[in-house]
Amino acid sequence: MIVLVGFMGAGKSTIGRLLAAKLGLPFVDTDPVIEQRAGRTIKEIFATDGEPAFRALEHEVIAGLLHGPEIVLALGGGAPEHPGTRQDLKQAQVVYLHVSYEGAVGRIGADADRPLLAQPGLLARYQRRLAIYTAVATLVVRTDGRDPDSIAQDILASLTVG
């Protein structure tokens, strides 16, 4: 099981699809799975139920996926903040895709589907998560200014796959 973590805009979905294709494994992004299970968008879940309810649902989805068949899994940026998710990640190879704050903001812009962008304190949230990403990571890969395919190749060369 390969799990990709990192801040919004780090490239988790793009690189996850590349890794999955190279490994012949399915790629799963937790956000669409959460939306399907909830029958609502993440933006709607945040607006109606709040972030704590979203994080609880996110943890439940991630736990189920981690106990399933081998996949390449991309987590939402805040998923590793949940203590249960951090514990569950110990059984996987976790790749932290490190993007600078400036790089992340440049990539995600003003994406209306990202509810946290509308909240104050985005830089503080980014800084708080850095240590969490590092703590759960098996491998840290910087993504700023790099081609996604070369990042995927670096990950494959560094991880034990199989």
C-alpha atoms as a PDB file:
ATOM      1  CA  MET A   1       0.000   0.000   0.000  1.00  0.00           C
ATOM      2  CA  ILE A   2       1.419   3.355  -1.034  1.00  0.00           C
ATOM      3  CA  VAL A   3      -0.200   6.412   0.520  1.00  0.00           C
ATOM      4  CA  LEU A   4       0.481   9.964  -0.608  1.00  0.00           C
ATOM      5  CA  VAL A   5       0.184  12.823   1.872  1.00  0.00           C
ATOM      6  CA  GLY A   6       0.890  16.524   1.606  1.00  0.00           C
ATOM      7  CA  PHE A   7      -0.703  19.923   1.514  1.00  0.00           C
ATOM      8  CA  MET A   8      -3.250  20.998  -1.089  1.00  0.00           C
ATOM      9  CA  GLY A   9      -1.534  21.416  -4.432  1.00  0.00           C
ATOM     10  CA  ALA A  10       1.375  19.086  -3.651  1.00  0.00           C
ATOM     11  CA  GLY A  11       0.470  16.836  -6.593  1.00  0.00           C
ATOM     12  CA  LYS A  12      -0.977  13.849  -4.726  1.00  0.00           C
ATOM     13  CA  SER A  13      -3.612  13.014  -7.339  1.00  0.00           C
ATOM     14  CA  THR A  14      -1.373  13.587 -10.359  1.00  0.00           C
ATOM     15  CA  ILE A  15       1.564  11.635  -8.969  1.00  0.00           C
ATOM     16  CA  GLY A  16      -0.715   8.979  -7.491  1.00  0.00           C
ATOM     17  CA  ARG A  17      -2.182   8.236 -10.923  1.00  0.00           C
ATOM     18  CA  LEU A  18       1.322   7.979 -12.410  1.00  0.00           C
ATOM     19  CA  LEU A  19       2.512   5.617  -9.658  1.00  0.00           C
ATOM     20  CA  ALA A  20      -0.576   3.452  -9.953  1.00  0.00           C
ATOM     21  CA  ALA A  21      -0.150   3.136 -13.713  1.00  0.00           C
ATOM     22  CA  LYS A  22       3.528   2.210 -13.368  1.00  0.00           C
ATOM     23  CA  LEU A  23       2.749  -0.375 -10.677  1.00  0.00           C
ATOM     24  CA  GLY A  24      -0.392  -1.790 -12.262  1.00  0.00           C
ATOM     25  CA  LEU A  25      -2.412  -0.909  -9.174  1.00  0.00           C
ATOM     26  CA  PRO A  26      -5.691   0.963  -8.816  1.00  0.00           C
ATOM     27  CA  PHE A  27      -5.473   4.629  -7.823  1.00  0.00           C
ATOM     28  CA  VAL A  28      -7.896   5.963  -5.221  1.00  0.00           C
ATOM     29  CA  ASP A  29      -8.290   9.584  -4.147  1.00  0.00           C
ATOM     30  CA  THR A  30     -10.158   9.754  -0.834  1.00  0.00           C
ATOM     31  CA  ASP A  31     -12.067  12.951  -1.642  1.00  0.00           C
ATOM     32  CA  PRO A  32     -14.339  11.442  -4.346  1.00  0.00           C
ATOM     33  CA  VAL A  33     -14.886   8.347  -2.175  1.00  0.00           C
ATOM     34  CA  ILE A  34     -16.007  10.572   0.715  1.00  0.00           C
ATOM     35  CA  GLU A  35     -18.322  12.534  -1.579  1.00  0.00           C
ATOM     36  CA  GLN A  36     -19.843   9.344  -2.953  1.00  0.00           C
ATOM     37  CA  ARG A  37     -20.397   7.900   0.517  1.00  0.00           C
ATOM     38  CA  ALA A  38     -21.900  11.144   1.847  1.00  0.00           C
ATOM     39  CA  GLY A  39     -23.928  11.906  -1.271  1.00  0.00           C
ATOM     40  CA  ARG A  40     -22.638  15.487  -1.034  1.00  0.00           C
ATOM     41  CA  THR A  41     -19.587  17.476  -2.030  1.00  0.00           C
ATOM     42  CA  ILE A  42     -16.837  18.120   0.477  1.00  0.00           C
ATOM     43  CA  LYS A  43     -17.713  21.807   0.305  1.00  0.00           C
ATOM     44  CA  GLU A  44     -21.308  20.944   1.302  1.00  0.00           C
ATOM     45  CA  ILE A  45     -20.155  18.677   4.138  1.00  0.00           C
ATOM     46  CA  PHE A  46     -17.951  21.472   5.525  1.00  0.00           C
ATOM     47  CA  ALA A  47     -20.753  24.037   5.201  1.00  0.00           C
ATOM     48  CA  THR A  48     -23.478  21.867   6.733  1.00  0.00           C
ATOM     49  CA  ASP A  49     -21.712  19.646   9.251  1.00  0.00           C
ATOM     50  CA  GLY A  50     -18.383  21.399   9.859  1.00  0.00           C
ATOM     51  CA  GLU A  51     -14.779  20.259   9.656  1.00  0.00           C
ATOM     52  CA  PRO A  52     -14.865  17.831  12.642  1.00  0.00           C
ATOM     53  CA  ALA A  53     -17.703  15.821  11.058  1.00  0.00           C
ATOM     54  CA  PHE A  54     -15.866  15.795   7.744  1.00  0.00           C
ATOM     55  CA  ARG A  55     -12.649  14.573   9.412  1.00  0.00           C
ATOM     56  CA  ALA A  56     -14.527  11.752  11.176  1.00  0.00           C
ATOM     57  CA  LEU A  57     -16.023  10.581   7.875  1.00  0.00           C
ATOM     58  CA  GLU A  58     -12.645  10.960   6.167  1.00  0.00           C
ATOM     59  CA  HIS A  59     -10.986   8.789   8.831  1.00  0.00           C
ATOM     60  CA  GLU A  60     -13.644   6.094   8.431  1.00  0.00           C
ATOM     61  CA  VAL A  61     -13.135   6.020   4.648  1.00  0.00           C
ATOM     62  CA  ILE A  62      -9.325   5.919   4.947  1.00  0.00           C
ATOM     63  CA  ALA A  63      -9.393   3.119   7.537  1.00  0.00           C
ATOM     64  CA  GLY A  64     -11.555   1.019   5.227  1.00  0.00           C
ATOM     65  CA  LEU A  65      -9.296   1.640   2.229  1.00  0.00           C
ATOM     66  CA  LEU A  66      -6.122   0.856   4.191  1.00  0.00           C
ATOM     67  CA  HIS A  67      -7.566  -2.518   5.176  1.00  0.00           C
ATOM     68  CA  GLY A  68      -8.546  -3.364   1.604  1.00  0.00           C
ATOM     69  CA  PRO A  69      -6.613  -4.566  -1.451  1.00  0.00           C
ATOM     70  CA  GLU A  70      -3.311  -3.006  -2.570  1.00  0.00           C
ATOM     71  CA  ILE A  71      -3.798   0.458  -4.059  1.00  0.00           C
ATOM     72  CA  VAL A  72      -2.065   3.783  -4.454  1.00  0.00           C
ATOM     73  CA  LEU A  73      -4.014   6.109  -2.160  1.00  0.00           C
ATOM     74  CA  ALA A  74      -4.029   9.917  -2.131  1.00  0.00           C
ATOM     75  CA  LEU A  75      -5.246  11.470   1.121  1.00  0.00           C
ATOM     76  CA  GLY A  76      -6.773  14.883   1.606  1.00  0.00           C
ATOM     77  CA  GLY A  77      -4.322  17.441   2.974  1.00  0.00           C
ATOM     78  CA  GLY A  78      -5.725  17.392   6.506  1.00  0.00           C
ATOM     79  CA  ALA A  79      -6.292  13.644   6.833  1.00  0.00           C
ATOM     80  CA  PRO A  80      -3.082  12.914   8.797  1.00  0.00           C
ATOM     81  CA  GLU A  81      -4.191  15.359  11.501  1.00  0.00           C
ATOM     82  CA  HIS A  82      -6.698  12.744  12.729  1.00  0.00           C
ATOM     83  CA  PRO A  83      -4.983  10.623  15.439  1.00  0.00           C
ATOM     84  CA  GLY A  84      -6.668   7.432  14.254  1.00  0.00           C
ATOM     85  CA  THR A  85      -5.534   8.021  10.685  1.00  0.00           C
ATOM     86  CA  ARG A  86      -1.954   8.634  11.857  1.00  0.00           C
ATOM     87  CA  GLN A  87      -2.085   5.306  13.687  1.00  0.00           C
ATOM     88  CA  ASP A  88      -3.522   3.495  10.654  1.00  0.00           C
ATOM     89  CA  LEU A  89      -0.824   4.931   8.383  1.00  0.00           C
ATOM     90  CA  LYS A  90       1.844   3.004  10.288  1.00  0.00           C
ATOM     91  CA  GLN A  91       0.947  -0.068   8.232  1.00  0.00           C
ATOM     92  CA  ALA A  92       1.585   1.639   4.870  1.00  0.00           C
ATOM     93  CA  GLN A  93       4.420   3.156   2.894  1.00  0.00           C
ATOM     94  CA  VAL A  94       3.660   6.858   3.200  1.00  0.00           C
ATOM     95  CA  VAL A  95       5.132   9.346   0.752  1.00  0.00           C
ATOM     96  CA  TYR A  96       5.045  12.979   1.834  1.00  0.00           C
ATOM     97  CA  LEU A  97       4.955  15.196  -1.248  1.00  0.00           C
ATOM     98  CA  HIS A  98       6.459  18.394   0.107  1.00  0.00           C
ATOM     99  CA  VAL A  99       5.411  21.587  -1.644  1.00  0.00           C
ATOM    100  CA  SER A 100       6.312  25.068  -0.439  1.00  0.00           C
ATOM    101  CA  TYR A 101       3.468  27.281   0.727  1.00  0.00           C
ATOM    102  CA  GLU A 102       4.018  29.571  -2.249  1.00  0.00           C
ATOM    103  CA  GLY A 103       4.047  26.590  -4.611  1.00  0.00           C
ATOM    104  CA  ALA A 104       0.811  25.224  -3.152  1.00  0.00           C
ATOM    105  CA  VAL A 105      -1.005  28.538  -3.363  1.00  0.00           C
ATOM    106  CA  GLY A 106       0.245  29.022  -6.919  1.00  0.00           C
ATOM    107  CA  ARG A 107      -1.112  25.615  -7.956  1.00  0.00           C
ATOM    108  CA  ILE A 108      -4.492  25.755  -6.233  1.00  0.00           C
ATOM    109  CA  GLY A 109      -5.250  29.437  -6.786  1.00  0.00           C
ATOM    110  CA  ALA A 110      -8.795  30.286  -5.795  1.00  0.00           C
ATOM    111  CA  ASP A 111     -10.321  26.829  -6.277  1.00  0.00           C
ATOM    112  CA  ALA A 112     -13.927  27.189  -5.119  1.00  0.00           C
ATOM    113  CA  ASP A 113     -14.123  23.472  -4.327  1.00  0.00           C
ATOM    114  CA  ARG A 114     -11.519  23.768  -1.566  1.00  0.00           C
ATOM    115  CA  PRO A 115     -13.395  25.005   1.511  1.00  0.00           C
ATOM    116  CA  LEU A 116     -10.266  25.682   3.564  1.00  0.00           C
ATOM    117  CA  LEU A 117      -9.119  28.329   1.077  1.00  0.00           C
ATOM    118  CA  ALA A 118     -11.999  30.533   2.171  1.00  0.00           C
ATOM    119  CA  GLN A 119     -10.997  30.336   5.827  1.00  0.00           C
ATOM    120  CA  PRO A 120      -8.405  32.583   7.471  1.00  0.00           C
ATOM    121  CA  GLY A 121      -5.136  31.134   8.686  1.00  0.00           C
ATOM    122  CA  LEU A 122      -4.135  29.067   5.662  1.00  0.00           C
ATOM    123  CA  LEU A 123      -0.409  29.706   6.231  1.00  0.00           C
ATOM    124  CA  ALA A 124      -0.699  28.687   9.900  1.00  0.00           C
ATOM    125  CA  ARG A 125      -2.555  25.515   8.850  1.00  0.00           C
ATOM    126  CA  TYR A 126       0.211  24.743   6.340  1.00  0.00           C
ATOM    127  CA  GLN A 127       2.938  25.264   8.960  1.00  0.00           C
ATOM    128  CA  ARG A 128       1.112  23.134  11.553  1.00  0.00           C
ATOM    129  CA  ARG A 129       0.768  20.240   9.130  1.00  0.00           C
ATOM    130  CA  LEU A 130       4.444  20.120   8.094  1.00  0.00           C
ATOM    131  CA  ALA A 131       5.525  18.235  11.214  1.00  0.00           C
ATOM    132  CA  ILE A 132       2.563  15.863  10.946  1.00  0.00           C
ATOM    133  CA  TYR A 133       3.375  14.987   7.336  1.00  0.00           C
ATOM    134  CA  THR A 134       7.012  14.388   8.238  1.00  0.00           C
ATOM    135  CA  ALA A 135       6.067  12.240  11.235  1.00  0.00           C
ATOM    136  CA  VAL A 136       3.904   9.846   9.193  1.00  0.00           C
ATOM    137  CA  ALA A 137       6.198   9.702   6.166  1.00  0.00           C
ATOM    138  CA  THR A 138       8.301   6.763   5.051  1.00  0.00           C
ATOM    139  CA  LEU A 139       9.720   8.984   2.305  1.00  0.00           C
ATOM    140  CA  VAL A 140       9.768  12.756   1.750  1.00  0.00           C
ATOM    141  CA  VAL A 141       9.915  14.063  -1.823  1.00  0.00           C
ATOM    142  CA  ARG A 142      10.043  17.734  -2.749  1.00  0.00           C
ATOM    143  CA  THR A 143       7.752  18.677  -5.622  1.00  0.00           C
ATOM    144  CA  ASP A 144       8.377  22.384  -6.279  1.00  0.00           C
ATOM    145  CA  GLY A 145       9.410  23.009  -9.874  1.00  0.00           C
ATOM    146  CA  ARG A 146       9.627  19.302 -10.682  1.00  0.00           C
ATOM    147  CA  ASP A 147       8.006  17.249 -13.401  1.00  0.00           C
ATOM    148  CA  PRO A 148       5.416  14.774 -12.023  1.00  0.00           C
ATOM    149  CA  ASP A 149       6.914  11.859 -13.965  1.00  0.00           C
ATOM    150  CA  SER A 150      10.381  12.412 -12.472  1.00  0.00           C
ATOM    151  CA  ILE A 151       8.820  12.600  -9.005  1.00  0.00           C
ATOM    152  CA  ALA A 152       7.041   9.287  -9.613  1.00  0.00           C
ATOM    153  CA  GLN A 153      10.308   7.712 -10.797  1.00  0.00           C
ATOM    154  CA  ASP A 154      12.107   8.921  -7.647  1.00  0.00           C
ATOM    155  CA  ILE A 155       9.376   7.418  -5.471  1.00  0.00           C
ATOM    156  CA  LEU A 156       9.507   4.063  -7.264  1.00  0.00           C
ATOM    157  CA  ALA A 157      13.277   3.948  -6.910  1.00  0.00           C
ATOM    158  CA  SER A 158      13.071   4.682  -3.182  1.00  0.00           C
ATOM    159  CA  LEU A 159      10.201   2.509  -1.963  1.00  0.00           C
ATOM    160  CA  THR A 160       9.918  -1.205  -1.447  1.00  0.00           C
ATOM    161  CA  VAL A 161       7.106  -2.223  -3.763  1.00  0.00           C
ATOM    162  CA  GLY A 162       5.419  -5.581  -3.742  1.00  0.00           C
END
